[in-house]
C-alpha atoms as a PDB file:
ATOM      1  CA  MET A   1      92.984  32.115 -64.075  1.00  0.00           C
ATOM      2  CA  ILE A   2      91.002  29.023 -63.307  1.00  0.00           C
ATOM      3  CA  ARG A   3      90.768  29.916 -59.604  1.00  0.00           C
ATOM      4  CA  ALA A   4      89.523  33.361 -60.613  1.00  0.00           C
ATOM      5  CA  LEU A   5      86.851  31.850 -62.774  1.00  0.00           C
ATOM      6  CA  ILE A   6      85.712  29.527 -59.949  1.00  0.00           C
ATOM      7  CA  LEU A   7      85.567  32.429 -57.549  1.00  0.00           C
ATOM      8  CA  LEU A   8      83.639  34.499 -60.060  1.00  0.00           C
ATOM      9  CA  THR A   9      81.212  31.648 -60.523  1.00  0.00           C
ATOM     10  CA  LEU A  10      80.740  31.385 -56.734  1.00  0.00           C
ATOM     11  CA  LEU A  11      80.125  35.095 -56.402  1.00  0.00           C
ATOM     12  CA  ILE A  12      77.515  35.051 -59.170  1.00  0.00           C
ATOM     13  CA  ALA A  13      75.842  31.982 -57.693  1.00  0.00           C
ATOM     14  CA  ALA A  14      76.008  33.169 -54.140  1.00  0.00           C
ATOM     15  CA  PRO A  15      72.615  35.014 -54.159  1.00  0.00           C
ATOM     16  CA  ALA A  16      70.943  31.733 -55.017  1.00  0.00           C
ATOM     17  CA  LEU A  17      72.277  30.071 -51.844  1.00  0.00           C
ATOM     18  CA  ALA A  18      69.730  31.675 -49.505  1.00  0.00           C
ATOM     19  CA  ASN A  19      66.880  30.290 -51.601  1.00  0.00           C
ATOM     20  CA  SER A  20      68.376  26.874 -51.888  1.00  0.00           C
ATOM     21  CA  ALA A  21      66.993  24.148 -49.622  1.00  0.00           C
ATOM     22  CA  ASP A  22      69.998  21.945 -50.323  1.00  0.00           C
ATOM     23  CA  VAL A  23      72.540  24.188 -48.556  1.00  0.00           C
ATOM     24  CA  GLY A  24      73.645  23.082 -45.070  1.00  0.00           C
ATOM     25  CA  GLY A  25      72.624  20.060 -43.148  1.00  0.00           C
ATOM     26  CA  PRO A  26      73.848  17.506 -40.710  1.00  0.00           C
ATOM     27  CA  PHE A  27      77.507  17.381 -39.734  1.00  0.00           C
ATOM     28  CA  GLN A  28      79.799  15.492 -37.353  1.00  0.00           C
ATOM     29  CA  LEU A  29      82.856  17.413 -36.253  1.00  0.00           C
ATOM     30  CA  VAL A  30      85.157  18.002 -33.247  1.00  0.00           C
ATOM     31  CA  ASP A  31      85.019  21.265 -31.237  1.00  0.00           C
ATOM     32  CA  GLN A  32      87.930  23.218 -29.895  1.00  0.00           C
ATOM     33  CA  ASP A  33      87.767  21.270 -26.633  1.00  0.00           C
ATOM     34  CA  GLY A  34      88.144  17.933 -28.420  1.00  0.00           C
ATOM     35  CA  HIS A  35      84.517  16.895 -28.035  1.00  0.00           C
ATOM     36  CA  ALA A  36      82.650  15.243 -30.798  1.00  0.00           C
ATOM     37  CA  VAL A  37      79.754  17.480 -31.872  1.00  0.00           C
ATOM     38  CA  THR A  38      76.973  17.344 -34.511  1.00  0.00           C
ATOM     39  CA  ASP A  39      74.619  19.924 -35.940  1.00  0.00           C
ATOM     40  CA  ALA A  40      72.124  18.758 -33.274  1.00  0.00           C
ATOM     41  CA  THR A  41      74.618  19.964 -30.553  1.00  0.00           C
ATOM     42  CA  TYR A  42      73.732  23.499 -31.506  1.00  0.00           C
ATOM     43  CA  ARG A  43      69.940  23.164 -31.921  1.00  0.00           C
ATOM     44  CA  GLY A  44      68.030  25.934 -30.326  1.00  0.00           C
ATOM     45  CA  LYS A  45      70.839  28.454 -31.047  1.00  0.00           C
ATOM     46  CA  PRO A  46      71.212  30.552 -34.156  1.00  0.00           C
ATOM     47  CA  LEU A  47      74.732  30.291 -35.608  1.00  0.00           C
ATOM     48  CA  LEU A  48      76.932  32.431 -37.818  1.00  0.00           C
ATOM     49  CA  MET A  49      79.049  29.851 -39.597  1.00  0.00           C
ATOM     50  CA  TYR A  50      82.277  30.774 -41.445  1.00  0.00           C
ATOM     51  CA  PHE A  51      84.775  28.409 -43.136  1.00  0.00           C
ATOM     52  CA  GLY A  52      88.471  29.297 -42.992  1.00  0.00           C
ATOM     53  CA  TYR A  53      91.742  28.268 -41.421  1.00  0.00           C
ATOM     54  CA  THR A  54      93.959  29.322 -38.553  1.00  0.00           C
ATOM     55  CA  SER A  55      97.087  29.887 -40.724  1.00  0.00           C
ATOM     56  CA  CYS A  56      95.236  32.343 -42.927  1.00  0.00           C
ATOM     57  CA  PRO A  57      97.440  35.443 -43.084  1.00  0.00           C
ATOM     58  CA  ASP A  58      94.771  38.085 -43.543  1.00  0.00           C
ATOM     59  CA  VAL A  59      91.227  37.327 -44.586  1.00  0.00           C
ATOM     60  CA  CYS A  60      90.095  34.945 -41.890  1.00  0.00           C
ATOM     61  CA  PRO A  61      91.145  36.956 -38.831  1.00  0.00           C
ATOM     62  CA  VAL A  62      89.517  40.098 -40.269  1.00  0.00           C
ATOM     63  CA  ASP A  63      86.306  38.185 -41.091  1.00  0.00           C
ATOM     64  CA  LEU A  64      86.154  36.390 -37.785  1.00  0.00           C
ATOM     65  CA  ALA A  65      86.550  39.677 -35.924  1.00  0.00           C
ATOM     66  CA  LYS A  66      83.719  41.080 -38.058  1.00  0.00           C
ATOM     67  CA  ILE A  67      81.571  38.049 -37.219  1.00  0.00           C
ATOM     68  CA  VAL A  68      82.117  38.448 -33.456  1.00  0.00           C
ATOM     69  CA  GLN A  69      81.151  42.100 -33.731  1.00  0.00           C
ATOM     70  CA  VAL A  70      78.048  41.295 -35.735  1.00  0.00           C
ATOM     71  CA  SER A  71      77.051  38.780 -33.126  1.00  0.00           C
ATOM     72  CA  ARG A  72      77.595  41.399 -30.337  1.00  0.00           C
ATOM     73  CA  ASN A  73      75.571  43.957 -32.272  1.00  0.00           C
ATOM     74  CA  VAL A  74      72.674  41.567 -32.806  1.00  0.00           C
ATOM     75  CA  ARG A  75      72.680  40.575 -29.096  1.00  0.00           C
ATOM     76  CA  GLU A  76      72.703  44.207 -27.974  1.00  0.00           C
ATOM     77  CA  SER A  77      69.989  45.311 -30.382  1.00  0.00           C
ATOM     78  CA  THR A  78      67.604  42.328 -30.150  1.00  0.00           C
ATOM     79  CA  GLY A  79      68.633  40.321 -27.057  1.00  0.00           C
ATOM     80  CA  ILE A  80      69.179  37.283 -29.424  1.00  0.00           C
ATOM     81  CA  THR A  81      72.439  35.469 -28.879  1.00  0.00           C
ATOM     82  CA  VAL A  82      73.993  34.341 -32.114  1.00  0.00           C
ATOM     83  CA  THR A  83      76.952  31.964 -31.750  1.00  0.00           C
ATOM     84  CA  PRO A  84      79.947  32.578 -34.077  1.00  0.00           C
ATOM     85  CA  VAL A  85      81.232  29.253 -35.475  1.00  0.00           C
ATOM     86  CA  PHE A  86      84.575  28.956 -37.320  1.00  0.00           C
ATOM     87  CA  VAL A  87      84.929  25.694 -39.299  1.00  0.00           C
ATOM     88  CA  THR A  88      88.411  24.858 -40.626  1.00  0.00           C
ATOM     89  CA  VAL A  89      89.134  23.966 -44.272  1.00  0.00           C
ATOM     90  CA  ASP A  90      92.595  22.826 -43.156  1.00  0.00           C
ATOM     91  CA  PRO A  91      92.153  19.901 -40.808  1.00  0.00           C
ATOM     92  CA  ALA A  92      95.729  18.721 -41.339  1.00  0.00           C
ATOM     93  CA  ARG A  93      97.029  21.713 -39.367  1.00  0.00           C
ATOM     94  CA  ASP A  94      93.977  22.821 -37.406  1.00  0.00           C
ATOM     95  CA  THR A  95      93.764  20.397 -34.525  1.00  0.00           C
ATOM     96  CA  ALA A  96      91.279  20.952 -31.716  1.00  0.00           C
ATOM     97  CA  ALA A  97      94.092  22.537 -29.557  1.00  0.00           C
ATOM     98  CA  ARG A  98      95.114  24.866 -32.359  1.00  0.00           C
ATOM     99  CA  MET A  99      91.455  25.782 -32.994  1.00  0.00           C
ATOM    100  CA  LYS A 100      91.025  26.570 -29.252  1.00  0.00           C
ATOM    101  CA  ALA A 101      93.948  28.933 -29.150  1.00  0.00           C
ATOM    102  CA  TYR A 102      92.806  30.652 -32.325  1.00  0.00           C
ATOM    103  CA  VAL A 103      89.116  31.154 -31.498  1.00  0.00           C
ATOM    104  CA  ARG A 104      89.796  32.222 -27.874  1.00  0.00           C
ATOM    105  CA  ALA A 105      91.764  35.175 -29.259  1.00  0.00           C
ATOM    106  CA  PHE A 106      88.434  36.486 -30.674  1.00  0.00           C
ATOM    107  CA  GLY A 107      86.340  35.826 -27.558  1.00  0.00           C
ATOM    108  CA  PRO A 108      85.030  33.188 -25.235  1.00  0.00           C
ATOM    109  CA  ASP A 109      81.864  32.513 -27.157  1.00  0.00           C
ATOM    110  CA  VAL A 110      83.418  31.617 -30.483  1.00  0.00           C
ATOM    111  CA  ILE A 111      83.216  27.882 -31.403  1.00  0.00           C
ATOM    112  CA  GLY A 112      86.026  26.296 -33.479  1.00  0.00           C
ATOM    113  CA  LEU A 113      85.301  23.133 -35.354  1.00  0.00           C
ATOM    114  CA  THR A 114      87.659  20.666 -36.993  1.00  0.00           C
ATOM    115  CA  GLY A 115      87.554  16.989 -37.948  1.00  0.00           C
ATOM    116  CA  SER A 116      88.944  14.379 -40.285  1.00  0.00           C
ATOM    117  CA  ASP A 117      89.461  15.212 -44.001  1.00  0.00           C
ATOM    118  CA  ALA A 118      86.315  13.206 -44.731  1.00  0.00           C
ATOM    119  CA  GLN A 119      84.232  15.103 -42.074  1.00  0.00           C
ATOM    120  CA  ILE A 120      85.423  18.486 -43.379  1.00  0.00           C
ATOM    121  CA  GLN A 121      84.705  17.444 -46.973  1.00  0.00           C
ATOM    122  CA  ARG A 122      81.151  16.475 -45.955  1.00  0.00           C
ATOM    123  CA  VAL A 123      80.377  19.738 -44.226  1.00  0.00           C
ATOM    124  CA  THR A 124      82.022  21.913 -46.885  1.00  0.00           C
ATOM    125  CA  ASP A 125      80.057  20.005 -49.600  1.00  0.00           C
ATOM    126  CA  ALA A 126      76.852  20.561 -47.606  1.00  0.00           C
ATOM    127  CA  TYR A 127      77.476  24.299 -47.426  1.00  0.00           C
ATOM    128  CA  HIS A 128      78.860  24.547 -50.980  1.00  0.00           C
ATOM    129  CA  VAL A 129      82.208  25.921 -49.709  1.00  0.00           C
ATOM    130  CA  TYR A 130      85.048  26.091 -52.166  1.00  0.00           C
ATOM    131  CA  PHE A 131      88.596  25.431 -50.873  1.00  0.00           C
ATOM    132  CA  ASN A 132      91.855  24.392 -52.417  1.00  0.00           C
ATOM    133  CA  LYS A 133      95.430  23.899 -51.112  1.00  0.00           C
ATOM    134  CA  VAL A 134      97.889  26.177 -52.841  1.00  0.00           C
ATOM    135  CA  PRO A 135     101.689  25.590 -52.486  1.00  0.00           C
ATOM    136  CA  ALA A 136     103.604  28.655 -51.175  1.00  0.00           C
ATOM    137  CA  ASN A 137     107.218  28.976 -50.098  1.00  0.00           C
ATOM    138  CA  GLY A 138     107.682  25.418 -48.953  1.00  0.00           C
ATOM    139  CA  THR A 139     104.319  25.297 -47.147  1.00  0.00           C
ATOM    140  CA  TYR A 140     100.819  26.036 -48.375  1.00  0.00           C
ATOM    141  CA  LEU A 141      97.875  28.431 -48.105  1.00  0.00           C
ATOM    142  CA  MET A 142      94.214  27.620 -48.586  1.00  0.00           C
ATOM    143  CA  ASP A 143      92.055  29.378 -51.193  1.00  0.00           C
ATOM    144  CA  HIS A 144      88.536  29.347 -49.894  1.00  0.00           C
ATOM    145  CA  SER A 145      85.194  30.948 -50.287  1.00  0.00           C
ATOM    146  CA  THR A 146      84.364  33.663 -47.743  1.00  0.00           C
ATOM    147  CA  VAL A 147      80.587  33.407 -47.354  1.00  0.00           C
ATOM    148  CA  LEU A 148      79.039  33.825 -43.888  1.00  0.00           C
ATOM    149  CA  TYR A 149      76.048  31.576 -43.192  1.00  0.00           C
ATOM    150  CA  LEU A 150      73.209  32.338 -40.837  1.00  0.00           C
ATOM    151  CA  VAL A 151      71.872  28.996 -39.529  1.00  0.00           C
ATOM    152  CA  GLY A 152      68.590  29.118 -37.588  1.00  0.00           C
ATOM    153  CA  PRO A 153      67.948  27.479 -34.225  1.00  0.00           C
ATOM    154  CA  ASP A 154      66.358  24.523 -36.141  1.00  0.00           C
ATOM    155  CA  GLY A 155      69.633  23.933 -38.055  1.00  0.00           C
ATOM    156  CA  ARG A 156      68.351  25.253 -41.397  1.00  0.00           C
ATOM    157  CA  LEU A 157      70.084  27.961 -43.474  1.00  0.00           C
ATOM    158  CA  LEU A 158      68.290  31.260 -43.134  1.00  0.00           C
ATOM    159  CA  ASP A 159      70.602  33.583 -45.051  1.00  0.00           C
ATOM    160  CA  HIS A 160      74.125  34.180 -46.198  1.00  0.00           C
ATOM    161  CA  TYR A 161      76.372  37.250 -46.597  1.00  0.00           C
ATOM    162  CA  GLY A 162      79.353  38.094 -48.761  1.00  0.00           C
ATOM    163  CA  ARG A 163      82.427  39.542 -47.054  1.00  0.00           C
ATOM    164  CA  LYS A 164      82.034  42.891 -48.750  1.00  0.00           C
ATOM    165  CA  LEU A 165      78.732  43.560 -47.076  1.00  0.00           C
ATOM    166  CA  PRO A 166      79.415  46.113 -44.322  1.00  0.00           C
ATOM    167  CA  GLU A 167      79.283  44.907 -40.745  1.00  0.00           C
ATOM    168  CA  GLN A 168      76.307  47.128 -39.897  1.00  0.00           C
ATOM    169  CA  ASP A 169      74.325  45.761 -42.808  1.00  0.00           C
ATOM    170  CA  VAL A 170      75.128  42.150 -41.880  1.00  0.00           C
ATOM    171  CA  ALA A 171      74.015  42.752 -38.313  1.00  0.00           C
ATOM    172  CA  ALA A 172      70.777  44.472 -39.445  1.00  0.00           C
ATOM    173  CA  ARG A 173      69.975  41.594 -41.786  1.00  0.00           C
ATOM    174  CA  VAL A 174      70.791  38.956 -39.194  1.00  0.00           C
ATOM    175  CA  ALA A 175      68.561  40.723 -36.622  1.00  0.00           C
ATOM    176  CA  ALA A 176      65.710  41.149 -39.099  1.00  0.00           C
ATOM    177  CA  THR A 177      65.961  37.544 -40.317  1.00  0.00           C
ATOM    178  CA  LEU A 178      65.999  36.081 -36.787  1.00  0.00           C
ATOM    179  CA  ALA A 179      63.085  38.294 -35.703  1.00  0.00           C
ATOM    180  CA  ALA A 180      61.087  37.063 -38.703  1.00  0.00           C
ATOM    181  CA  HIS A 181      61.797  33.407 -37.783  1.00  0.00           C
ATOM    182  CA  ARG A 182      60.816  33.605 -34.103  1.00  0.00           C
END
């Protein structure tokens, strides 16, 4: 019940994210190749950032496949390359090696980011990402928000999209937003 109320609150508040200057910002994480990266590593490139985890049984793989397709559609329609970035909310299990195997299943251009608990907490706080460990059958799952963030080449949040927005609509909005910020 409490989780449902939190998620409902996040859904109601989500439209305000795009207008909020306090969403996003600097981060220090580790990429799927084990290299330390920061937000500055990706300057000059628009990003589609999504927060999830590799053990997710259903939502994350579907959403990541959608994000890869959105990126492809934007590149084909505008010539703008948008980099899909998958940031874990489960750093205890999602090592760089595990992230590499996971993101490679979706394509060679997908970036997987992990880090220490503190690093993940800082980036999720910056992006207002909800996540919570939930015990399940001797292991655990992660409840988490499912917002997709469009980050501009300058590192600032440009827009965000809920997971129920159709792929074509997301691609059209991403293309229009990036064209307007050229």
